[in-house]
Protein backbone atom coordinates (compact mmCIF):
# COMPACT_ATOMS: atom_id res chain seq x y z
CA UNK A 1 79.26 160.62 122.54
CA UNK A 2 77.86 158.44 119.96
CA UNK A 3 78.68 154.81 119.63
CA UNK A 4 80.06 154.00 116.16
CA UNK A 5 78.62 150.54 116.28
CA UNK A 6 78.63 147.43 118.34
CA UNK A 7 82.01 146.16 117.13
CA UNK A 8 85.14 148.16 117.69
CA UNK A 9 88.67 147.51 116.48
CA UNK A 10 89.77 145.15 113.72
CA UNK A 11 88.53 141.73 112.82
CA UNK A 12 90.74 138.61 112.80
CA UNK A 13 90.69 138.72 109.01
CA UNK A 14 92.01 142.25 109.03
CA UNK A 15 94.71 141.63 111.62
CA UNK A 16 97.95 140.34 110.04
CA UNK A 17 98.77 138.37 113.16
CA UNK A 18 95.87 136.05 112.41
CA UNK A 19 96.43 135.52 108.70
CA UNK A 20 95.80 132.10 107.19
CA UNK A 21 99.26 130.56 107.19
CA UNK A 22 98.03 127.54 105.22
CA UNK A 23 96.97 129.74 102.30
CA UNK A 24 100.22 131.64 102.53
CA UNK A 25 102.24 128.39 102.28
CA UNK A 26 100.12 127.15 99.37
CA UNK A 27 100.96 130.32 97.44
CA UNK A 28 104.66 130.28 98.30
CA UNK A 29 105.43 126.61 97.48
CA UNK A 30 105.99 125.03 94.09
CA UNK A 31 104.16 121.76 93.50
CA UNK A 32 104.65 119.07 90.84
CA UNK A 33 102.18 119.06 87.91
CA UNK A 34 100.79 115.68 89.06
CA UNK A 35 99.19 117.45 92.02
CA UNK A 36 96.75 119.20 89.70
CA UNK A 37 95.16 115.86 88.79
CA UNK A 38 92.23 114.80 90.99
CA UNK A 39 91.88 111.31 92.46
CA UNK A 40 88.60 109.52 93.20
CA UNK A 41 89.36 107.53 96.33
CA UNK A 42 86.37 105.25 95.74
CA UNK A 43 88.29 103.66 92.85
CA UNK A 44 91.44 103.02 94.92
CA UNK A 45 92.20 99.82 96.86
CA UNK A 46 93.20 101.43 100.17
CA UNK A 47 94.63 98.26 101.74
CA UNK A 48 97.42 98.17 99.16
CA UNK A 49 98.07 101.89 99.54
CA UNK A 50 98.12 101.68 103.35
CA UNK A 51 100.69 98.88 103.22
CA UNK A 52 102.86 100.88 100.83
CA UNK A 53 102.56 104.01 102.99
CA UNK A 54 103.66 102.14 106.12
CA UNK A 55 106.69 100.65 104.34
CA UNK A 56 107.66 103.94 102.73
CA UNK A 57 107.44 105.93 105.98
CA UNK A 58 109.75 103.36 107.62
CA UNK A 59 112.19 103.74 104.71
CA UNK A 60 112.15 107.53 104.87
CA UNK A 61 112.27 107.96 108.64
CA UNK A 62 114.29 104.90 109.56
CA UNK A 63 111.73 103.99 112.23
CA UNK A 64 108.17 102.74 112.30
CA UNK A 65 105.90 105.70 113.00
CA UNK A 66 102.24 104.72 113.14
CA UNK A 67 101.19 108.29 113.95
CA UNK A 68 102.48 109.63 110.63
CA UNK A 69 100.99 106.72 108.70
CA UNK A 70 97.58 107.05 110.35
CA UNK A 71 97.63 110.82 109.89
CA UNK A 72 98.38 110.46 106.18
CA UNK A 73 95.73 107.76 105.80
CA UNK A 74 93.25 110.03 107.55
CA UNK A 75 93.91 112.73 104.96
CA UNK A 76 93.18 110.20 102.19
CA UNK A 77 89.80 109.26 103.63
CA UNK A 78 88.23 112.31 102.04
CA UNK A 79 86.43 111.62 98.75
CA UNK A 80 88.85 113.88 96.87
CA UNK A 81 91.99 114.63 98.92
CA UNK A 82 94.28 117.58 98.18
CA UNK A 83 97.95 116.61 97.71
CA UNK A 84 99.14 120.17 98.26
CA UNK A 85 97.51 120.38 101.68
CA UNK A 86 98.74 116.90 102.43
CA UNK A 87 102.32 117.93 101.69
CA UNK A 88 102.03 120.99 103.91
CA UNK A 89 100.47 118.99 106.76
CA UNK A 90 103.11 116.23 106.60
CA UNK A 91 106.04 118.67 106.35
CA UNK A 92 106.61 118.66 110.11
CA UNK A 93 106.83 114.87 110.24
CA UNK A 94 108.75 113.95 107.09
CA UNK A 95 110.82 117.13 106.71
CA UNK A 96 112.87 117.05 103.47
CA UNK A 97 111.26 113.77 102.33
CA UNK A 98 107.74 115.17 102.34
CA UNK A 99 107.50 116.17 98.70
CA UNK A 100 109.04 112.87 97.57
CA UNK A 101 106.60 110.87 99.70
CA UNK A 102 103.49 112.79 98.62
CA UNK A 103 104.54 112.78 94.95
CA UNK A 104 105.12 109.00 94.97
CA UNK A 105 101.83 108.49 96.82
CA UNK A 106 99.94 110.71 94.40
CA UNK A 107 101.36 108.93 91.35
CA UNK A 108 100.30 105.61 92.87
CA UNK A 109 96.81 106.93 93.56
CA UNK A 110 96.47 108.24 89.99
CA UNK A 111 97.59 104.87 88.65
CA UNK A 112 95.30 102.99 91.05
CA UNK A 113 92.17 104.87 90.06
CA UNK A 114 92.68 103.98 86.40
CA UNK A 115 93.67 100.33 86.83
CA UNK A 116 91.50 97.31 87.39
CA UNK A 117 90.90 96.51 91.04
CA UNK A 118 92.22 99.85 92.26
CA UNK A 119 95.78 98.55 92.47
CA UNK A 120 98.56 100.73 91.01
CA UNK A 121 100.05 99.38 87.79
CA UNK A 122 103.56 99.54 89.32
CA UNK A 123 102.51 97.03 91.99
CA UNK A 124 100.97 94.74 89.38
CA UNK A 125 104.17 94.90 87.33
CA UNK A 126 106.31 94.11 90.39
CA UNK A 127 104.09 91.16 91.30
CA UNK A 128 104.16 89.90 87.71
CA UNK A 129 107.97 90.16 87.64
CA UNK A 130 108.22 88.25 90.93
CA UNK A 131 105.93 85.52 89.61
CA UNK A 132 107.97 85.24 86.39
CA UNK A 133 111.20 85.16 88.40
CA UNK A 134 109.84 82.40 90.64
CA UNK A 135 108.62 80.47 87.60
CA UNK A 136 112.02 80.82 85.93
CA UNK A 137 113.79 79.68 89.10
CA UNK A 138 111.54 76.60 89.24
CA UNK A 139 112.20 75.84 85.58
CA UNK A 140 115.95 76.21 86.12
CA UNK A 141 115.82 73.91 89.14
CA UNK A 142 113.80 71.38 87.15
CA UNK A 143 116.33 71.54 84.28
CA UNK A 144 119.19 70.95 86.74
CA UNK A 145 117.31 67.98 88.22
CA UNK A 146 116.72 66.51 84.75
CA UNK A 147 120.37 67.05 83.85
CA UNK A 148 121.45 65.32 87.07
CA UNK A 149 119.07 62.43 86.40
CA UNK A 150 120.48 62.08 82.88
CA UNK A 151 124.02 61.95 84.27
CA UNK A 152 122.95 59.35 86.82
CA UNK A 153 121.30 57.25 84.08
CA UNK A 154 124.49 57.43 81.99
CA UNK A 155 126.60 56.37 84.98
CA UNK A 156 124.16 53.53 85.76
CA UNK A 157 124.28 52.32 82.14
CA UNK A 158 128.09 52.42 82.20
CA UNK A 159 128.14 50.46 85.47
CA UNK A 160 125.74 47.88 84.01
CA UNK A 161 128.02 47.45 81.00
CA UNK A 162 131.09 47.02 83.22
CA UNK A 163 129.26 44.55 85.44
CA UNK A 164 128.18 42.57 82.38
CA UNK A 165 131.76 42.54 81.10
CA UNK A 166 133.03 41.33 84.48
CA UNK A 167 130.39 38.62 84.61
CA UNK A 168 131.30 37.44 81.15
CA UNK A 169 135.00 37.45 81.92
CA UNK A 170 134.61 35.47 85.13
CA UNK A 171 132.15 32.94 83.74
CA UNK A 172 133.71 29.58 82.86
CA UNK A 173 133.75 29.03 79.19
CA UNK A 174 131.80 26.06 77.96
CA UNK A 175 133.77 23.65 75.90
CA UNK A 176 132.67 23.35 72.38
CA UNK A 177 132.85 19.67 71.52
CA UNK A 178 133.23 20.29 67.85
CA UNK A 179 136.24 22.46 68.32
CA UNK A 180 138.03 20.25 70.74
CA UNK A 181 140.46 17.87 69.12
CA UNK A 182 140.15 14.45 70.46
CA UNK A 183 142.83 13.43 72.80
CA UNK A 184 142.83 10.02 71.45
CA UNK A 185 142.15 9.43 67.91
CA UNK A 186 141.21 6.02 66.85
CA UNK A 187 142.57 4.94 63.67
CA UNK A 188 140.87 2.25 61.90
CA UNK A 189 142.90 -0.09 59.96
């Protein structure tokens, strides 16, 4: 009996039980068009993105889950991460919110790589709006203070006028000698 070769049977690639499930999921899922755009992570300010990711995971899950956040951050540490793989890998943690989370994250990353400082334009706009709102609130408060001061000055001026009138009314009038008729008139004969 001759030996047909050293290896017998089927390889893992040939056996359907050992098929690449990741590739199968990539082919079966529909992804947003934004996922086709590449992101250079060197141009992104990761501190801002990490903070956003932590807040967003809390919003989506209702609890703080550092494992999910760190896992997602770990996937972003590659020079050019793949959003499709990221969505598949996070599916077990975020369930129905996975596509929403990864899409929002990817849009932020695309914006961050094109903006100055690696900060997404949305964050800059939010910060600018907050600064303008704070400035407007200060200006409004200052206007109210000035208005109150003006009212107080008007009241003080009115009180000064009333006090002056009272002082003048209570002051004894000086007799004008020219106007007073003499009590005794001397008649010269």
